[in-house]
Amino acid sequence: MHDAVLTTWGYADVTPVWLWVFQENQQARRFYTKQGWTQTPETKKSNFAPNPVMRSTPRSR
């Protein structure tokens, strides 16, 4: 699914793309880092209770 989304964005010439990952979800953060995403220090609180912190993770092609 990850690769299919990136391919679709590529056809639409969407760049850069951003992903917000829950800060406490270490497994997801490792996965996206291995896929070429870069974590930034930017964070925000989720709108979903109990409002966990999410970390900004951009990627350029």
PDB file of N, CA and C in Angstrom:
ATOM      1  N   MET A   1       0.824  -1.169   0.000  1.00  0.00           N
ATOM      2  CA  MET A   1       0.000   0.000   0.000  1.00  0.00           C
ATOM      3  C   MET A   1       0.886   1.256   0.000  1.00  0.00           C
ATOM      4  N   HIS A   2       1.936   1.235   0.798  1.00  0.00           N
ATOM      5  CA  HIS A   2       2.853   2.376   0.877  1.00  0.00           C
ATOM      6  C   HIS A   2       3.381   2.726  -0.507  1.00  0.00           C
ATOM      7  N   ASP A   3       3.884   1.735  -1.222  1.00  0.00           N
ATOM      8  CA  ASP A   3       4.457   1.979  -2.546  1.00  0.00           C
ATOM      9  C   ASP A   3       3.401   2.442  -3.550  1.00  0.00           C
ATOM     10  N   ALA A   4       2.193   1.895  -3.446  1.00  0.00           N
ATOM     11  CA  ALA A   4       1.119   2.290  -4.359  1.00  0.00           C
ATOM     12  C   ALA A   4       0.754   3.762  -4.176  1.00  0.00           C
ATOM     13  N   VAL A   5       0.717   4.212  -2.932  1.00  0.00           N
ATOM     14  CA  VAL A   5       0.408   5.624  -2.667  1.00  0.00           C
ATOM     15  C   VAL A   5       1.501   6.520  -3.237  1.00  0.00           C
ATOM     16  N   LEU A   6       2.761   6.157  -3.021  1.00  0.00           N
ATOM     17  CA  LEU A   6       3.859   6.965  -3.554  1.00  0.00           C
ATOM     18  C   LEU A   6       3.831   7.004  -5.078  1.00  0.00           C
ATOM     19  N   THR A   7       3.492   5.889  -5.707  1.00  0.00           N
ATOM     20  CA  THR A   7       3.391   5.843  -7.165  1.00  0.00           C
ATOM     21  C   THR A   7       2.284   6.775  -7.653  1.00  0.00           C
ATOM     22  N   THR A   8       1.136   6.731  -6.996  1.00  0.00           N
ATOM     23  CA  THR A   8       0.017   7.595  -7.370  1.00  0.00           C
ATOM     24  C   THR A   8       0.391   9.060  -7.218  1.00  0.00           C
ATOM     25  N   TRP A   9       1.035   9.411  -6.116  1.00  0.00           N
ATOM     26  CA  TRP A   9       1.473  10.793  -5.915  1.00  0.00           C
ATOM     27  C   TRP A   9       2.479  11.196  -6.989  1.00  0.00           C
ATOM     28  N   GLY A  10       3.323  10.252  -7.390  1.00  0.00           N
ATOM     29  CA  GLY A  10       4.302  10.538  -8.438  1.00  0.00           C
ATOM     30  C   GLY A  10       3.637  10.875  -9.758  1.00  0.00           C
ATOM     31  N   TYR A  11       2.591  10.112 -10.123  1.00  0.00           N
ATOM     32  CA  TYR A  11       1.862  10.394 -11.361  1.00  0.00           C
ATOM     33  C   TYR A  11       1.195  11.762 -11.300  1.00  0.00           C
ATOM     34  N   ALA A  12       0.772  12.159 -10.111  1.00  0.00           N
ATOM     35  CA  ALA A  12       0.108  13.455  -9.940  1.00  0.00           C
ATOM     36  C   ALA A  12       1.126  14.573  -9.725  1.00  0.00           C
ATOM     37  N   ASP A  13       2.410  14.224  -9.738  1.00  0.00           N
ATOM     38  CA  ASP A  13       3.498  15.178  -9.537  1.00  0.00           C
ATOM     39  C   ASP A  13       3.368  15.924  -8.203  1.00  0.00           C
ATOM     40  N   VAL A  14       2.981  15.185  -7.171  1.00  0.00           N
ATOM     41  CA  VAL A  14       2.855  15.748  -5.827  1.00  0.00           C
ATOM     42  C   VAL A  14       4.197  15.617  -5.122  1.00  0.00           C
ATOM     43  N   THR A  15       4.795  16.737  -4.751  1.00  0.00           N
ATOM     44  CA  THR A  15       6.057  16.726  -4.014  1.00  0.00           C
ATOM     45  C   THR A  15       6.222  18.052  -3.295  1.00  0.00           C
ATOM     46  N   PRO A  16       6.736  18.132  -2.140  1.00  0.00           N
ATOM     47  CA  PRO A  16       6.993  17.001  -1.258  1.00  0.00           C
ATOM     48  C   PRO A  16       5.695  16.493  -0.644  1.00  0.00           C
ATOM     49  N   VAL A  17       5.761  15.347  -0.059  1.00  0.00           N
ATOM     50  CA  VAL A  17       4.608  14.780   0.645  1.00  0.00           C
ATOM     51  C   VAL A  17       4.924  14.747   2.135  1.00  0.00           C
ATOM     52  N   TRP A  18       3.888  14.833   2.959  1.00  0.00           N
ATOM     53  CA  TRP A  18       4.044  14.865   4.410  1.00  0.00           C
ATOM     54  C   TRP A  18       3.231  13.758   5.036  1.00  0.00           C
ATOM     55  N   LEU A  19       3.754  13.235   6.102  1.00  0.00           N
ATOM     56  CA  LEU A  19       3.108  12.170   6.857  1.00  0.00           C
ATOM     57  C   LEU A  19       3.219  12.535   8.326  1.00  0.00           C
ATOM     58  N   TRP A  20       2.139  12.381   9.060  1.00  0.00           N
ATOM     59  CA  TRP A  20       2.176  12.602  10.507  1.00  0.00           C
ATOM     60  C   TRP A  20       2.055  11.250  11.183  1.00  0.00           C
ATOM     61  N   VAL A  21       3.007  10.928  12.045  1.00  0.00           N
ATOM     62  CA  VAL A  21       3.061   9.633  12.723  1.00  0.00           C
ATOM     63  C   VAL A  21       2.969   9.874  14.223  1.00  0.00           C
ATOM     64  N   PHE A  22       2.180   9.055  14.914  1.00  0.00           N
ATOM     65  CA  PHE A  22       2.105   9.189  16.368  1.00  0.00           C
ATOM     66  C   PHE A  22       3.491   9.003  16.965  1.00  0.00           C
ATOM     67  N   GLN A  23       3.905   9.951  17.774  1.00  0.00           N
ATOM     68  CA  GLN A  23       5.256   9.960  18.335  1.00  0.00           C
ATOM     69  C   GLN A  23       5.572   8.683  19.108  1.00  0.00           C
ATOM     70  N   GLU A  24       4.594   8.131  19.813  1.00  0.00           N
ATOM     71  CA  GLU A  24       4.826   6.926  20.617  1.00  0.00           C
ATOM     72  C   GLU A  24       4.841   5.645  19.780  1.00  0.00           C
ATOM     73  N   ASN A  25       4.474   5.716  18.519  1.00  0.00           N
ATOM     74  CA  ASN A  25       4.424   4.528  17.668  1.00  0.00           C
ATOM     75  C   ASN A  25       5.805   4.286  17.047  1.00  0.00           C
ATOM     76  N   GLN A  26       6.691   3.727  17.844  1.00  0.00           N
ATOM     77  CA  GLN A  26       8.073   3.502  17.411  1.00  0.00           C
ATOM     78  C   GLN A  26       8.153   2.576  16.199  1.00  0.00           C
ATOM     79  N   GLN A  27       7.303   1.571  16.154  1.00  0.00           N
ATOM     80  CA  GLN A  27       7.332   0.625  15.031  1.00  0.00           C
ATOM     81  C   GLN A  27       7.017   1.342  13.717  1.00  0.00           C
ATOM     82  N   ALA A  28       5.999   2.181  13.712  1.00  0.00           N
ATOM     83  CA  ALA A  28       5.653   2.932  12.494  1.00  0.00           C
ATOM     84  C   ALA A  28       6.756   3.915  12.133  1.00  0.00           C
ATOM     85  N   ARG A  29       7.322   4.577  13.125  1.00  0.00           N
ATOM     86  CA  ARG A  29       8.390   5.542  12.847  1.00  0.00           C
ATOM     87  C   ARG A  29       9.604   4.851  12.231  1.00  0.00           C
ATOM     88  N   ARG A  30       9.947   3.664  12.718  1.00  0.00           N
ATOM     89  CA  ARG A  30      11.067   2.899  12.127  1.00  0.00           C
ATOM     90  C   ARG A  30      10.734   2.492  10.689  1.00  0.00           C
ATOM     91  N   PHE A  31       9.510   2.018  10.472  1.00  0.00           N
ATOM     92  CA  PHE A  31       9.089   1.598   9.135  1.00  0.00           C
ATOM     93  C   PHE A  31       9.242   2.747   8.141  1.00  0.00           C
ATOM     94  N   TYR A  32       8.693   3.915   8.475  1.00  0.00           N
ATOM     95  CA  TYR A  32       8.737   5.034   7.539  1.00  0.00           C
ATOM     96  C   TYR A  32      10.156   5.550   7.340  1.00  0.00           C
ATOM     97  N   THR A  33      10.972   5.520   8.370  1.00  0.00           N
ATOM     98  CA  THR A  33      12.375   5.921   8.215  1.00  0.00           C
ATOM     99  C   THR A  33      13.075   4.993   7.226  1.00  0.00           C
ATOM    100  N   LYS A  34      12.822   3.691   7.331  1.00  0.00           N
ATOM    101  CA  LYS A  34      13.429   2.728   6.400  1.00  0.00           C
ATOM    102  C   LYS A  34      12.927   2.922   4.974  1.00  0.00           C
ATOM    103  N   GLN A  35      11.731   3.505   4.834  1.00  0.00           N
ATOM    104  CA  GLN A  35      11.156   3.749   3.508  1.00  0.00           C
ATOM    105  C   GLN A  35      11.613   5.076   2.910  1.00  0.00           C
ATOM    106  N   GLY A  36      12.470   5.815   3.627  1.00  0.00           N
ATOM    107  CA  GLY A  36      13.013   7.046   3.071  1.00  0.00           C
ATOM    108  C   GLY A  36      12.412   8.333   3.610  1.00  0.00           C
ATOM    109  N   TRP A  37      11.497   8.221   4.575  1.00  0.00           N
ATOM    110  CA  TRP A  37      10.914   9.407   5.193  1.00  0.00           C
ATOM    111  C   TRP A  37      11.889   9.947   6.233  1.00  0.00           C
ATOM    112  N   THR A  38      11.849  11.257   6.475  1.00  0.00           N
ATOM    113  CA  THR A  38      12.751  11.900   7.424  1.00  0.00           C
ATOM    114  C   THR A  38      11.940  12.546   8.538  1.00  0.00           C
ATOM    115  N   GLN A  39      12.236  12.186   9.778  1.00  0.00           N
ATOM    116  CA  GLN A  39      11.526  12.787  10.906  1.00  0.00           C
ATOM    117  C   GLN A  39      12.061  14.189  11.175  1.00  0.00           C
ATOM    118  N   THR A  40      11.170  15.076  11.547  1.00  0.00           N
ATOM    119  CA  THR A  40      11.558  16.437  11.911  1.00  0.00           C
ATOM    120  C   THR A  40      11.210  16.660  13.383  1.00  0.00           C
ATOM    121  N   PRO A  41      11.710  17.731  13.973  1.00  0.00           N
ATOM    122  CA  PRO A  41      11.341  18.019  15.360  1.00  0.00           C
ATOM    123  C   PRO A  41       9.927  18.598  15.496  1.00  0.00           C
ATOM    124  N   GLU A  42       9.274  18.890  14.368  1.00  0.00           N
ATOM    125  CA  GLU A  42       7.935  19.489  14.424  1.00  0.00           C
ATOM    126  C   GLU A  42       6.913  18.479  14.941  1.00  0.00           C
ATOM    127  N   THR A  43       6.122  18.882  15.927  1.00  0.00           N
ATOM    128  CA  THR A  43       5.079  18.022  16.479  1.00  0.00           C
ATOM    129  C   THR A  43       3.778  18.804  16.597  1.00  0.00           C
ATOM    130  N   LYS A  44       2.679  18.069  16.726  1.00  0.00           N
ATOM    131  CA  LYS A  44       1.378  18.666  17.023  1.00  0.00           C
ATOM    132  C   LYS A  44       0.541  17.611  17.721  1.00  0.00           C
ATOM    133  N   LYS A  45      -0.473  18.056  18.431  1.00  0.00           N
ATOM    134  CA  LYS A  45      -1.368  17.121  19.111  1.00  0.00           C
ATOM    135  C   LYS A  45      -2.446  16.659  18.142  1.00  0.00           C
ATOM    136  N   SER A  46      -2.751  15.372  18.216  1.00  0.00           N
ATOM    137  CA  SER A  46      -3.802  14.796  17.390  1.00  0.00           C
ATOM    138  C   SER A  46      -5.164  15.321  17.842  1.00  0.00           C
ATOM    139  N   ASN A  47      -6.108  15.377  16.923  1.00  0.00           N
ATOM    140  CA  ASN A  47      -7.482  15.753  17.263  1.00  0.00           C
ATOM    141  C   ASN A  47      -8.253  14.596  17.880  1.00  0.00           C
ATOM    142  N   PHE A  48      -7.682  13.402  17.821  1.00  0.00           N
ATOM    143  CA  PHE A  48      -8.352  12.219  18.349  1.00  0.00           C
ATOM    144  C   PHE A  48      -7.979  12.017  19.814  1.00  0.00           C
ATOM    145  N   ALA A  49      -8.991  11.818  20.664  1.00  0.00           N
ATOM    146  CA  ALA A  49      -8.733  11.573  22.091  1.00  0.00           C
ATOM    147  C   ALA A  49      -7.930  10.299  22.231  1.00  0.00           C
ATOM    148  N   PRO A  50      -6.995  10.268  23.116  1.00  0.00           N
ATOM    149  CA  PRO A  50      -6.621  11.236  24.140  1.00  0.00           C
ATOM    150  C   PRO A  50      -5.591  12.258  23.659  1.00  0.00           C
ATOM    151  N   ASN A  51      -5.620  12.611  22.405  1.00  0.00           N
ATOM    152  CA  ASN A  51      -4.774  13.650  21.810  1.00  0.00           C
ATOM    153  C   ASN A  51      -3.279  13.361  21.888  1.00  0.00           C
ATOM    154  N   PRO A  52      -2.858  12.191  21.371  1.00  0.00           N
ATOM    155  CA  PRO A  52      -1.420  11.891  21.386  1.00  0.00           C
ATOM    156  C   PRO A  52      -0.647  12.841  20.477  1.00  0.00           C
ATOM    157  N   VAL A  53       0.628  12.967  20.758  1.00  0.00           N
ATOM    158  CA  VAL A  53       1.498  13.831  19.957  1.00  0.00           C
ATOM    159  C   VAL A  53       1.862  13.114  18.663  1.00  0.00           C
ATOM    160  N   MET A  54       1.839  13.856  17.560  1.00  0.00           N
ATOM    161  CA  MET A  54       2.248  13.321  16.266  1.00  0.00           C
ATOM    162  C   MET A  54       3.495  14.061  15.815  1.00  0.00           C
ATOM    163  N   ARG A  55       4.362  13.364  15.072  1.00  0.00           N
ATOM    164  CA  ARG A  55       5.605  13.954  14.580  1.00  0.00           C
ATOM    165  C   ARG A  55       5.523  14.098  13.067  1.00  0.00           C
ATOM    166  N   SER A  56       5.971  15.247  12.573  1.00  0.00           N
ATOM    167  CA  SER A  56       6.002  15.527  11.145  1.00  0.00           C
ATOM    168  C   SER A  56       7.090  14.693  10.477  1.00  0.00           C
ATOM    169  N   THR A  57       6.741  14.098   9.332  1.00  0.00           N
ATOM    170  CA  THR A  57       7.678  13.241   8.621  1.00  0.00           C
ATOM    171  C   THR A  57       7.552  13.502   7.121  1.00  0.00           C
ATOM    172  N   PRO A  58       8.329  14.448   6.570  1.00  0.00           N
ATOM    173  CA  PRO A  58       8.234  14.749   5.140  1.00  0.00           C
ATOM    174  C   PRO A  58       9.073  13.801   4.277  1.00  0.00           C
ATOM    175  N   ARG A  59       8.769  13.797   3.004  1.00  0.00           N
ATOM    176  CA  ARG A  59       9.569  13.023   2.043  1.00  0.00           C
ATOM    177  C   ARG A  59       9.509  13.720   0.697  1.00  0.00           C
ATOM    178  N   SER A  60      10.652  13.882   0.058  1.00  0.00           N
ATOM    179  CA  SER A  60      10.664  14.367  -1.311  1.00  0.00           C
ATOM    180  C   SER A  60      11.079  13.224  -2.209  1.00  0.00           C
ATOM    181  N   ARG A  61      10.725  13.348  -3.464  1.00  0.00           N
ATOM    182  CA  ARG A  61      11.057  12.263  -4.394  1.00  0.00           C
ATOM    183  C   ARG A  61      12.483  12.324  -4.806  1.00  0.00           C
TER     184      ARG A  61
END
